């Protein structure tokens, strides 16, 4: 009986690893790569879907906030119109913070989950920087410039910024003396740019002045505003801050004790101080730069032209809360001589 011959040993490749085992290793590696690739694709799709859902929710909340702000605008317009009718029955008629429009609204729940707060601010209680130049866009308003320089000094700032702003606005290319700045100054900056020679649309434009810092802007911004050009907008003495009033009269009086000033304004129950009281406190105010004394026949640039007791420009500040989301809307409102109110500009930053 013959014995069976033994089978030959399996053929080995590459250091002794069999071809079949090698194929199984490659297959496992391909499977791992496919699983990893599928995981990445699935995670990316899930992330994109989640972001799409969040964007849709944010857009929906934003639309809700704007609608709520528009409702607040309509409510503020109605309040201002009613106050206008009441003022028509008074002689003289004033616009002052003690009236109904000066009271804040809310927080109020307008719909489930939507809270609304709103307040009105009289923008004519601030210094309109566009009034530094006459309505023709060329003639410097020397009385306004002098008052603005005094405001800068009261705030511990350099009065040269008044001339810088005039050159930023006026149409000509001749710098103010002694501290003006036209294109020759701005073209040396990095990057270079030119003066717009147009009225200022936002007070934040002052940050473009050479050397004007954010700290300077934060110090000055509560007392200034940039209202649409075309006509002179008198400062409402009934709602102006004591620093603006002292800048107008040329010496420290109302800002000597701000708390007492606010108490006197509240206790008065009416306009305080009136334009006549401010003119009386100013005494013999004289225009600078060789101009005649304000009040002289034939002179149009007088202190009285800067003062008023009524307001047409207001800013509505609306805060809308939707769940954990908060929105701020700032609306510039204009009240025409008939008492009608319309929104002029809506933004999401105050300046």
Protein backbone atom coordinates (compact mmCIF):
# COMPACT_ATOMS: atom_id res chain seq x y z
CA UNK A 1 0.00 0.00 0.00
CA UNK A 2 1.53 3.24 -1.17
CA UNK A 3 1.78 6.26 1.09
CA UNK A 4 0.15 9.62 0.08
CA UNK A 5 2.59 12.28 -0.87
CA UNK A 6 2.40 15.38 1.35
CA UNK A 7 1.01 18.63 -0.12
CA UNK A 8 3.56 21.27 -0.93
CA UNK A 9 3.61 24.26 1.45
CA UNK A 10 1.57 27.30 0.37
CA UNK A 11 3.42 29.74 -1.71
CA UNK A 12 4.27 32.88 0.24
CA UNK A 13 4.92 36.38 -1.06
CA UNK A 14 6.39 39.53 0.39
CA UNK A 15 7.98 38.26 3.46
CA UNK A 16 5.71 35.35 4.09
CA UNK A 17 2.23 36.94 3.92
CA UNK A 18 -0.17 35.01 1.72
CA UNK A 19 -1.92 36.68 -1.24
CA UNK A 20 -5.37 35.89 0.20
CA UNK A 21 -4.60 37.47 3.54
CA UNK A 22 -3.18 40.46 1.76
CA UNK A 23 -6.39 40.86 -0.21
CA UNK A 24 -8.45 40.64 2.98
CA UNK A 25 -6.33 43.49 4.50
CA UNK A 26 -6.89 45.74 1.47
CA UNK A 27 -10.63 45.06 1.57
CA UNK A 28 -10.78 45.96 5.27
CA UNK A 29 -8.88 49.20 4.62
CA UNK A 30 -11.25 50.12 1.77
CA UNK A 31 -14.24 49.39 4.02
CA UNK A 32 -12.85 51.65 6.77
CA UNK A 33 -12.27 54.44 4.26
CA UNK A 34 -15.80 54.09 2.88
CA UNK A 35 -17.29 54.20 6.38
CA UNK A 36 -15.21 57.29 7.23
CA UNK A 37 -16.21 58.98 3.98
CA UNK A 38 -19.88 58.16 4.57
CA UNK A 39 -19.62 59.54 8.11
CA UNK A 40 -18.09 62.78 6.86
CA UNK A 41 -20.79 63.18 4.20
CA UNK A 42 -23.55 62.47 6.70
CA UNK A 43 -22.11 64.91 9.25
CA UNK A 44 -21.76 67.61 6.58
CA UNK A 45 -25.34 67.12 5.45
CA UNK A 46 -26.58 67.25 9.03
CA UNK A 47 -24.58 70.42 9.71
CA UNK A 48 -25.84 72.11 6.55
CA UNK A 49 -29.42 71.17 7.38
CA UNK A 50 -29.02 72.49 10.92
CA UNK A 51 -27.51 75.76 9.67
CA UNK A 52 -30.29 76.13 7.10
CA UNK A 53 -32.87 75.64 9.84
CA UNK A 54 -31.11 78.19 12.06
CA UNK A 55 -30.88 80.72 9.23
CA UNK A 56 -34.56 80.25 8.48
CA UNK A 57 -35.43 80.70 12.16
CA UNK A 58 -33.20 83.78 12.43
CA UNK A 59 -34.76 85.29 9.31
CA UNK A 60 -38.23 84.63 10.67
CA UNK A 61 -37.32 86.20 14.04
CA UNK A 62 -35.74 89.18 12.29
CA UNK A 63 -38.90 89.73 10.25
CA UNK A 64 -40.94 89.50 13.44
CA UNK A 65 -38.69 92.06 15.12
CA UNK A 66 -39.00 94.50 12.22
CA UNK A 67 -42.78 94.13 12.22
CA UNK A 68 -42.86 94.77 15.97
CA UNK A 69 -40.64 97.84 15.47
CA UNK A 70 -42.96 99.11 12.75
CA UNK A 71 -45.84 98.74 15.19
CA UNK A 72 -43.89 100.79 17.72
CA UNK A 73 -43.27 103.42 15.03
CA UNK A 74 -47.01 103.67 14.35
CA UNK A 75 -47.70 103.96 18.08
CA UNK A 76 -45.05 106.68 18.49
CA UNK A 77 -46.42 108.58 15.47
CA UNK A 78 -49.91 108.51 16.96
CA UNK A 79 -48.59 109.80 20.30
CA UNK A 80 -46.69 112.64 18.64
CA UNK A 81 -49.74 113.61 16.60
CA UNK A 82 -51.91 113.75 19.71
CA UNK A 83 -49.30 115.85 21.49
CA UNK A 84 -49.17 118.17 18.48
CA UNK A 85 -52.92 118.75 18.75
CA UNK A 86 -52.60 119.56 22.45
CA UNK A 87 -49.73 121.93 21.78
CA UNK A 88 -51.82 123.81 19.23
CA UNK A 89 -54.09 124.89 22.07
CA UNK A 90 -51.20 126.37 24.08
CA UNK A 91 -49.59 129.76 23.60
CA UNK A 92 -46.67 129.52 23.31
CA UNK A 93 -46.42 125.86 22.34
CA UNK A 94 -43.32 123.93 23.46
CA UNK A 95 -41.95 120.43 22.99
CA UNK A 96 -40.36 119.24 26.21
CA UNK A 97 -39.57 115.85 27.82
CA UNK A 98 -42.26 116.17 30.51
CA UNK A 99 -44.96 115.64 27.90
CA UNK A 100 -46.46 112.27 27.06
CA UNK A 101 -44.05 111.51 24.23
CA UNK A 102 -41.13 111.57 26.70
CA UNK A 103 -42.42 108.56 28.65
CA UNK A 104 -40.90 105.16 27.84
CA UNK A 105 -43.15 102.29 26.77
CA UNK A 106 -42.93 98.74 28.06
CA UNK A 107 -41.67 96.16 28.38
CA UNK A 108 -44.94 94.96 26.89
CA UNK A 109 -45.85 91.57 25.45
CA UNK A 110 -47.24 92.27 21.99
CA UNK A 111 -47.68 88.61 21.00
CA UNK A 112 -46.85 85.38 22.87
CA UNK A 113 -43.07 85.28 23.30
CA UNK A 114 -42.47 88.77 21.87
CA UNK A 115 -41.59 91.58 24.30
CA UNK A 116 -41.37 95.21 23.19
CA UNK A 117 -39.75 98.28 24.75
CA UNK A 118 -39.60 101.72 23.19
CA UNK A 119 -38.57 105.28 23.96
CA UNK A 120 -38.49 108.57 22.06
CA UNK A 121 -35.63 111.05 22.13
CA UNK A 122 -35.80 114.63 20.91
CA UNK A 123 -32.91 114.93 18.46
CA UNK A 124 -33.27 118.70 18.29
CA UNK A 125 -32.00 118.81 21.83
CA UNK A 126 -28.60 118.03 20.30
CA UNK A 127 -26.22 120.08 18.19
CA UNK A 128 -26.77 119.41 14.48
CA UNK A 129 -23.28 119.27 12.95
CA UNK A 130 -24.68 120.01 9.51
CA UNK A 131 -25.69 123.46 10.77
CA UNK A 132 -22.01 124.41 10.98
CA UNK A 133 -22.40 125.27 7.28
CA UNK A 134 -25.21 127.38 5.86
CA UNK A 135 -28.03 125.91 3.82
CA UNK A 136 -26.20 126.95 0.64
CA UNK A 137 -23.51 124.38 1.46
CA UNK A 138 -20.71 126.93 1.32
CA UNK A 139 -21.07 129.70 3.94
CA UNK A 140 -19.71 128.83 7.40
CA UNK A 141 -22.20 129.58 10.18
CA UNK A 142 -19.87 131.51 12.49
CA UNK A 143 -22.26 131.59 15.45
CA UNK A 144 -22.81 127.82 15.24
CA UNK A 145 -19.07 127.23 14.86
CA UNK A 146 -18.33 129.32 17.95
CA UNK A 147 -20.95 127.45 19.97
CA UNK A 148 -19.63 124.09 18.79
CA UNK A 149 -16.07 125.06 19.69
CA UNK A 150 -17.29 125.96 23.18
CA UNK A 151 -19.03 122.57 23.43
CA UNK A 152 -15.77 120.84 22.53
CA UNK A 153 -13.91 122.81 25.19
CA UNK A 154 -16.53 121.98 27.82
CA UNK A 155 -15.99 118.30 27.03
CA UNK A 156 -12.21 118.64 27.27
CA UNK A 157 -11.67 118.30 23.52
CA UNK A 158 -9.69 120.33 21.00
CA UNK A 159 -11.86 123.05 19.37
CA UNK A 160 -10.05 122.50 16.05
CA UNK A 161 -12.52 119.73 15.22
CA UNK A 162 -15.13 122.39 14.41
CA UNK A 163 -13.03 123.67 11.48
CA UNK A 164 -12.29 120.09 10.37
CA UNK A 165 -16.01 119.32 10.21
CA UNK A 166 -16.77 122.52 8.28
CA UNK A 167 -14.18 121.56 5.64
CA UNK A 168 -15.61 118.04 5.54
CA UNK A 169 -19.05 119.46 4.68
CA UNK A 170 -18.59 122.65 2.65
CA UNK A 171 -18.34 122.60 -1.13
CA UNK A 172 -15.12 124.56 -1.51
CA UNK A 173 -11.57 123.21 -1.32
CA UNK A 174 -10.13 126.02 0.80
CA UNK A 175 -9.26 124.93 4.35
CA UNK A 176 -10.63 126.90 7.28
CA UNK A 177 -8.21 129.12 9.16
CA UNK A 178 -6.37 128.20 11.32
CA UNK A 179 -7.28 124.51 11.79
CA UNK A 180 -9.01 123.38 8.62
CA UNK A 181 -8.23 120.29 6.53
CA UNK A 182 -9.05 119.62 2.90
CA UNK A 183 -7.93 116.98 0.37
CA UNK A 184 -4.25 117.79 0.77
CA UNK A 185 -4.37 116.41 4.33
CA UNK A 186 -6.49 113.34 3.63
CA UNK A 187 -4.54 112.30 0.54
CA UNK A 188 -1.47 111.80 2.72
CA UNK A 189 -3.24 109.24 4.89
CA UNK A 190 -3.03 105.47 4.44
CA UNK A 191 -5.20 104.66 2.60
CA UNK A 192 -5.67 108.09 1.01
CA UNK A 193 -9.15 109.51 0.46
CA UNK A 194 -10.87 112.82 -0.23
CA UNK A 195 -13.32 114.97 1.68
CA UNK A 196 -16.91 114.34 0.53
CA UNK A 197 -17.83 118.06 0.56
CA UNK A 198 -21.37 117.01 1.41
CA UNK A 199 -23.55 117.11 4.53
CA UNK A 200 -22.88 114.39 7.09
CA UNK A 201 -25.38 111.53 7.02
CA UNK A 202 -24.17 109.83 10.22
CA UNK A 203 -22.14 111.22 13.10
CA UNK A 204 -19.87 108.18 12.82
CA UNK A 205 -18.32 109.92 9.79
CA UNK A 206 -16.34 112.00 12.27
CA UNK A 207 -14.13 108.95 12.82
CA UNK A 208 -12.72 109.63 9.35
CA UNK A 209 -11.21 112.93 10.53
CA UNK A 210 -7.42 112.65 10.93
CA UNK A 211 -6.57 111.98 14.56
CA UNK A 212 -10.20 111.76 15.71
CA UNK A 213 -10.31 108.68 17.97
CA UNK A 214 -13.07 106.41 19.18
CA UNK A 215 -12.69 107.91 22.65
CA UNK A 216 -13.30 111.36 21.16
CA UNK A 217 -16.41 110.10 19.40
CA UNK A 218 -17.81 108.41 22.52
CA UNK A 219 -17.33 111.65 24.46
CA UNK A 220 -18.99 113.84 21.85
CA UNK A 221 -21.71 111.61 20.36
CA UNK A 222 -24.36 112.10 23.13
CA UNK A 223 -24.49 115.82 22.30
CA UNK A 224 -24.51 115.86 18.50
CA UNK A 225 -26.69 114.64 15.66
CA UNK A 226 -26.59 114.68 11.85
CA UNK A 227 -30.02 115.69 10.57
CA UNK A 228 -30.94 115.90 6.89
CA UNK A 229 -29.81 119.19 5.34
CA UNK A 230 -31.92 121.82 3.67
CA UNK A 231 -33.08 124.05 6.50
CA UNK A 232 -31.58 125.23 9.76
CA UNK A 233 -32.78 123.04 12.63
CA UNK A 234 -32.89 125.13 15.82
CA UNK A 235 -31.73 123.53 19.07
CA UNK A 236 -34.72 122.93 21.33
CA UNK A 237 -33.66 124.49 24.63
CA UNK A 238 -36.47 122.60 26.40
CA UNK A 239 -34.72 119.24 25.89
CA UNK A 240 -31.09 120.24 25.33
CA UNK A 241 -28.46 118.99 27.77
CA UNK A 242 -26.85 121.51 30.14
CA UNK A 243 -23.55 121.19 28.26
CA UNK A 244 -25.17 122.16 24.96
CA UNK A 245 -26.90 125.09 26.66
CA UNK A 246 -23.65 126.31 28.20
CA UNK A 247 -21.96 126.02 24.82
CA UNK A 248 -24.66 128.29 23.40
CA UNK A 249 -24.44 130.95 26.11
CA UNK A 250 -20.63 130.91 26.18
CA UNK A 251 -20.02 130.20 29.87
CA UNK A 252 -20.68 127.54 32.51
CA UNK A 253 -24.06 127.96 34.16
CA UNK A 254 -26.48 125.09 33.54
CA UNK A 255 -23.81 122.35 33.66
CA UNK A 256 -22.36 123.56 36.97
CA UNK A 257 -24.74 121.20 38.80
CA UNK A 258 -26.33 118.75 36.33
CA UNK A 259 -28.46 117.02 38.98
CA UNK A 260 -29.94 120.32 40.15
CA UNK A 261 -30.54 121.28 36.53
CA UNK A 262 -32.52 118.10 35.88
CA UNK A 263 -34.51 118.66 39.08
CA UNK A 264 -35.32 122.22 38.05
CA UNK A 265 -36.41 120.98 34.61
CA UNK A 266 -38.74 118.37 36.13
CA UNK A 267 -40.16 120.75 38.72
CA UNK A 268 -40.91 123.42 36.13
CA UNK A 269 -43.68 121.34 34.53
CA UNK A 270 -43.05 123.10 31.24
CA UNK A 271 -40.18 124.15 28.98
CA UNK A 272 -36.99 124.88 30.91
CA UNK A 273 -35.08 126.88 29.98
CA UNK A 274 -37.01 128.72 27.31
CA UNK A 275 -35.18 130.26 24.34
CA UNK A 276 -35.69 133.69 25.90
CA UNK A 277 -34.06 132.53 29.14
CA UNK A 278 -31.08 131.15 27.22
CA UNK A 279 -30.64 134.41 25.32
CA UNK A 280 -30.85 136.31 28.59
CA UNK A 281 -28.21 134.03 30.12
CA UNK A 282 -25.97 134.54 27.12
CA UNK A 283 -25.84 138.27 27.61
CA UNK A 284 -23.96 140.21 24.97
CA UNK A 285 -22.88 137.34 22.68
CA UNK A 286 -20.69 138.30 19.78
CA UNK A 287 -19.96 136.39 16.61
CA UNK A 288 -16.32 135.66 15.89
CA UNK A 289 -14.10 136.02 12.84
CA UNK A 290 -14.94 139.69 12.29
CA UNK A 291 -18.72 139.26 12.08
CA UNK A 292 -20.99 141.88 13.61
CA UNK A 293 -22.74 141.43 16.92
CA UNK A 294 -25.71 139.04 16.62
CA UNK A 295 -28.90 140.98 16.58
CA UNK A 296 -27.51 143.85 14.54
CA UNK A 297 -29.86 144.80 11.68
CA UNK A 298 -28.89 142.99 8.50
CA UNK A 299 -27.19 140.10 10.34
CA UNK A 300 -28.68 136.64 9.77
CA UNK A 301 -26.20 134.66 11.91
CA UNK A 302 -27.48 135.29 15.42
CA UNK A 303 -27.79 133.23 18.55
CA UNK A 304 -31.57 133.43 18.23
CA UNK A 305 -31.42 131.57 14.91
CA UNK A 306 -29.87 128.58 16.71
CA UNK A 307 -32.59 128.38 19.36
CA UNK A 308 -36.14 127.07 19.39
CA UNK A 309 -38.79 125.60 21.65
CA UNK A 310 -40.37 123.08 19.28
CA UNK A 311 -39.06 119.89 17.68
CA UNK A 312 -39.72 118.04 14.45
CA UNK A 313 -37.01 115.36 14.58
CA UNK A 314 -37.18 112.41 16.97
CA UNK A 315 -35.44 109.07 17.31
CA UNK A 316 -37.42 106.03 18.35
CA UNK A 317 -35.36 103.33 20.06
CA UNK A 318 -37.09 99.95 20.03
CA UNK A 319 -35.91 96.82 21.83
CA UNK A 320 -37.57 93.57 20.75
CA UNK A 321 -37.04 90.30 22.62
CA UNK A 322 -37.95 87.01 20.91
CA UNK A 323 -37.14 84.14 23.24
CA UNK A 324 -33.38 84.35 23.72
CA UNK A 325 -32.86 86.69 20.77
CA UNK A 326 -32.74 90.47 21.19
CA UNK A 327 -33.02 93.10 18.47
CA UNK A 328 -32.48 96.87 18.58
CA UNK A 329 -34.08 99.12 15.97
CA UNK A 330 -33.47 102.87 15.70
CA UNK A 331 -35.92 104.94 13.65
CA UNK A 332 -35.57 108.57 12.66
CA UNK A 333 -39.01 110.20 12.73
CA UNK A 334 -39.98 113.54 11.20
CA UNK A 335 -43.09 115.51 12.17
CA UNK A 336 -44.12 118.00 9.50
CA UNK A 337 -45.79 121.38 10.22
CA UNK A 338 -49.25 119.77 9.97
CA UNK A 339 -48.44 117.27 12.72
CA UNK A 340 -48.14 114.21 10.50
CA UNK A 341 -45.25 111.86 11.37
CA UNK A 342 -43.30 109.65 8.98
CA UNK A 343 -40.22 107.45 9.35
CA UNK A 344 -37.22 108.79 7.45
CA UNK A 345 -34.57 106.18 8.21
CA UNK A 346 -34.41 102.87 10.06
CA UNK A 347 -31.15 101.34 11.26
CA UNK A 348 -29.83 98.78 13.71
CA UNK A 349 -27.13 100.98 15.25
CA UNK A 350 -27.72 104.32 17.01
CA UNK A 351 -25.04 106.26 15.04
